[in-house]
Amino acid sequence: WCEEHKDPAAWPKANNKTIDPSLTQVIPASPGLKPANKTIRASDDMIAALKKAGKIAMAKNPNYSIKIQSAFRPLKMQIKLVCDKVARTYTMEEPKKSETLKEIGAIVAYPGGSNHGSGVAVDVTFWDANTPLITTSNKAQGGKQYEKGAELLADIMAEAGMVRYGKEIWHFELEGKTTNNCRCKGSAQCPFPATCRF
């Protein structure tokens, strides 16, 4: 498909799981909530939940803040990620090629396969002033120093109406807007280290 559709201008903007970018808004900075940059977008419902989460965080500790690292991902961006991965893969030798292609769908979501495309998923970091309580690093998934931050963040996001993807302590989605597969709510349900075994 990537070889036959080289012009990104001809790529689709939406599919059954990825909304048109016009249905999203830029996430504004608000109390307890900071987007990593001024281009990060989400659905209106997600923005409302994030603002609520920021207020809840600050009510617990005025130094707490949630920083949005990633939210809505347009379908064209996801297509480009996959096509770039495929192009790089075909320059490799076997068996590395087949192993790298297995990453599509696991490390790089299939176009339309991520809830980020629906505008209802975010990846966040969590801060106490200048100290990171949660990062988006794989080291944070099971690093003991992140356990309390992961529990606290899971509770804040649950109170704001979100669930966590079990395998990532930084990935949250609007409750009821995505699949229940490997989703947990609050520190009582969400495992640490991160896993889908719960």
Protein backbone atom coordinates (compact mmCIF):
# COMPACT_ATOMS: atom_id res chain seq x y z
CA TRP A 1 0.00 0.00 0.00
CA CYS A 2 2.81 2.41 0.92
CA GLU A 3 4.51 1.81 -2.45
CA GLU A 4 1.29 2.41 -4.38
CA HIS A 5 0.27 5.54 -2.41
CA LYS A 6 3.39 7.68 -2.20
CA ASP A 7 1.59 11.05 -2.24
CA PRO A 8 0.50 12.00 1.31
CA ALA A 9 -1.97 14.51 -0.13
CA ALA A 10 -4.00 11.56 -1.43
CA TRP A 11 -4.01 9.69 1.89
CA PRO A 12 -7.34 9.49 3.76
CA LYS A 13 -7.95 11.88 6.67
CA ALA A 14 -10.24 9.57 8.63
CA ASN A 15 -11.40 5.98 8.94
CA ASN A 16 -13.69 4.08 11.31
CA LYS A 17 -11.39 4.68 14.30
CA THR A 18 -9.62 7.91 13.38
CA ILE A 19 -11.52 11.17 13.30
CA ASP A 20 -10.97 14.10 10.98
CA PRO A 21 -8.56 16.63 12.54
CA SER A 22 -11.24 19.35 12.26
CA LEU A 23 -13.11 17.55 15.07
CA THR A 24 -10.31 18.29 17.54
CA GLN A 25 -9.12 21.41 19.34
CA VAL A 26 -5.73 22.55 20.64
CA ILE A 27 -5.39 21.60 24.31
CA PRO A 28 -5.02 24.85 26.26
CA ALA A 29 -2.82 25.27 29.31
CA SER A 30 -4.96 25.44 32.43
CA PRO A 31 -4.46 25.03 36.19
CA GLY A 32 -2.44 21.85 36.75
CA LEU A 33 -2.35 21.05 33.02
CA LYS A 34 0.40 21.88 30.52
CA PRO A 35 0.60 20.72 26.90
CA ALA A 36 4.18 19.94 25.81
CA ASN A 37 3.63 22.23 22.82
CA LYS A 38 0.95 24.45 21.30
CA THR A 39 -0.08 21.98 18.60
CA ILE A 40 -1.31 19.06 20.74
CA ARG A 41 -4.98 18.42 20.04
CA ALA A 42 -7.82 16.32 21.48
CA SER A 43 -11.60 16.01 21.33
CA ASP A 44 -13.68 18.47 23.34
CA ASP A 45 -14.67 15.70 25.79
CA MET A 46 -11.04 14.77 26.39
CA ILE A 47 -10.03 18.40 26.90
CA ALA A 48 -12.78 18.82 29.52
CA ALA A 49 -11.60 15.67 31.35
CA LEU A 50 -7.98 16.83 31.23
CA LYS A 51 -8.86 20.23 32.67
CA LYS A 52 -10.72 18.46 35.47
CA ALA A 53 -7.69 16.22 36.10
CA GLY A 54 -5.43 19.29 36.33
CA LYS A 55 -7.71 20.86 38.95
CA ILE A 56 -7.86 17.60 40.93
CA ALA A 57 -4.06 17.33 40.85
CA MET A 58 -3.61 20.89 42.10
CA ALA A 59 -6.18 20.37 44.86
CA LYS A 60 -4.04 17.47 46.13
CA ASN A 61 -0.83 19.52 45.92
CA PRO A 62 -0.41 22.97 44.32
CA ASN A 63 2.95 21.82 42.90
CA TYR A 64 1.43 18.92 40.94
CA SER A 65 1.00 19.26 37.20
CA ILE A 66 0.09 16.95 34.35
CA LYS A 67 1.99 17.54 31.12
CA ILE A 68 0.40 16.30 27.90
CA GLN A 69 3.10 14.71 25.72
CA SER A 70 0.87 13.29 23.00
CA ALA A 71 -2.85 13.23 22.27
CA PHE A 72 -4.68 13.20 18.93
CA ARG A 73 -2.69 11.63 16.11
CA PRO A 74 -4.05 12.29 12.63
CA LEU A 75 -4.49 9.28 10.36
CA LYS A 76 -1.97 10.73 7.91
CA MET A 77 0.66 10.88 10.67
CA GLN A 78 0.05 7.23 11.58
CA ILE A 79 0.22 6.19 7.91
CA LYS A 80 3.54 8.03 7.58
CA LEU A 81 4.95 6.34 10.72
CA VAL A 82 4.06 2.90 9.36
CA CYS A 83 5.25 3.60 5.80
CA ASP A 84 8.54 5.01 7.13
CA LYS A 85 8.98 1.91 9.31
CA VAL A 86 8.26 -0.38 6.34
CA ALA A 87 10.69 1.55 4.10
CA ARG A 88 13.48 1.30 6.70
CA THR A 89 12.73 -2.36 7.30
CA TYR A 90 13.20 -3.36 3.68
CA THR A 91 16.78 -2.10 3.74
CA MET A 92 17.61 -4.65 6.48
CA GLU A 93 18.87 -8.17 6.13
CA GLU A 94 16.85 -11.24 7.15
CA PRO A 95 15.94 -12.24 9.87
CA LYS A 96 16.01 -8.72 11.31
CA LYS A 97 13.51 -7.62 8.65
CA SER A 98 10.74 -9.97 9.79
CA GLU A 99 11.36 -9.10 13.47
CA THR A 100 11.11 -5.37 12.74
CA LEU A 101 7.90 -5.80 10.74
CA LYS A 102 6.37 -7.48 13.80
CA GLU A 103 6.72 -4.13 15.57
CA ILE A 104 3.94 -2.71 13.37
CA GLY A 105 0.87 -3.05 15.49
CA ALA A 106 2.92 -3.36 18.67
CA ILE A 107 5.36 -0.44 18.79
CA VAL A 108 3.90 1.47 15.83
CA ALA A 109 0.11 1.18 15.69
CA TYR A 110 -1.56 0.27 12.43
CA PRO A 111 -3.25 3.33 10.89
CA GLY A 112 -6.58 3.52 12.64
CA GLY A 113 -5.45 1.08 15.30
CA SER A 114 -4.72 3.58 18.07
CA ASN A 115 -7.23 5.40 20.26
CA HIS A 116 -5.05 8.48 19.84
CA GLY A 117 -6.64 8.77 16.40
CA SER A 118 -10.08 9.16 17.98
CA GLY A 119 -8.99 12.16 20.05
CA VAL A 120 -9.83 10.36 23.31
CA ALA A 121 -6.36 9.13 24.37
CA VAL A 122 -3.37 10.96 25.85
CA ASP A 123 0.17 10.19 26.95
CA VAL A 124 1.22 12.27 29.95
CA THR A 125 4.01 12.95 32.38
CA PHE A 126 3.25 13.87 35.98
CA TRP A 127 5.26 16.39 37.97
CA ASP A 128 5.76 17.66 41.51
CA ALA A 129 7.20 21.09 40.68
CA ASN A 130 10.37 20.16 38.72
CA THR A 131 10.51 16.53 39.85
CA PRO A 132 9.05 13.93 37.47
CA LEU A 133 6.70 11.49 39.23
CA ILE A 134 5.86 9.75 35.92
CA THR A 135 7.70 9.83 32.61
CA THR A 136 6.90 8.26 29.24
CA SER A 137 10.07 6.20 29.33
CA ASN A 138 9.94 2.40 29.31
CA LYS A 139 12.11 2.59 32.44
CA ALA A 140 9.13 4.16 34.23
CA GLN A 141 6.94 1.11 33.54
CA GLY A 142 8.43 -0.81 36.44
CA GLY A 143 10.90 1.57 38.08
CA LYS A 144 10.16 1.54 41.80
CA GLN A 145 10.68 5.31 42.04
CA TYR A 146 7.62 5.79 39.79
CA GLU A 147 5.21 3.51 41.67
CA LYS A 148 3.66 6.12 43.98
CA GLY A 149 3.39 8.61 41.13
CA ALA A 150 1.69 6.00 38.93
CA GLU A 151 -0.83 5.21 41.67
CA LEU A 152 -1.55 8.86 42.37
CA LEU A 153 -1.91 9.71 38.68
CA ALA A 154 -4.21 6.72 38.08
CA ASP A 155 -6.47 7.96 40.90
CA ILE A 156 -6.50 11.56 39.62
CA MET A 157 -7.33 10.48 36.09
CA ALA A 158 -10.01 8.04 37.30
CA GLU A 159 -11.68 10.82 39.28
CA ALA A 160 -11.64 12.94 36.10
CA GLY A 161 -13.40 10.15 34.11
CA MET A 162 -10.47 8.34 32.50
CA VAL A 163 -9.09 4.81 32.42
CA ARG A 164 -5.49 3.73 32.00
CA TYR A 165 -4.15 1.38 29.37
CA GLY A 166 -2.75 -1.38 31.58
CA LYS A 167 0.60 -1.71 29.76
CA GLU A 168 1.51 2.00 29.95
CA ILE A 169 1.46 4.03 33.17
CA TRP A 170 1.29 7.24 31.12
CA HIS A 171 -1.54 6.39 28.66
CA PHE A 172 -5.11 7.41 29.58
CA GLU A 173 -8.40 7.32 27.68
CA LEU A 174 -11.91 8.60 28.25
CA GLU A 175 -13.90 5.96 30.11
CA GLY A 176 -16.57 4.35 27.93
CA LYS A 177 -15.16 5.81 24.69
CA THR A 178 -12.70 2.98 23.95
CA THR A 179 -12.37 -0.75 24.39
CA ASN A 180 -12.32 -2.35 27.83
CA ASN A 181 -9.48 -4.63 26.76
CA CYS A 182 -6.48 -4.11 29.09
CA ARG A 183 -8.03 -0.98 30.64
CA CYS A 184 -8.05 -0.28 34.37
CA LYS A 185 -9.37 2.51 36.56
CA GLY A 186 -7.60 3.97 39.58
CA SER A 187 -4.75 2.61 41.67
CA ALA A 188 -6.87 -0.21 43.10
CA GLN A 189 -7.27 -1.74 39.61
CA CYS A 190 -4.18 -0.54 37.72
CA PRO A 191 -1.13 -2.76 38.13
CA PHE A 192 2.42 -1.66 38.79
CA PRO A 193 4.66 -2.68 37.11
CA ALA A 194 2.49 -2.03 34.07
CA THR A 195 0.87 -5.11 32.57
CA CYS A 196 -2.41 -6.40 31.17
CA ARG A 197 -2.50 -9.23 33.71
CA PHE A 198 -5.17 -8.07 36.14
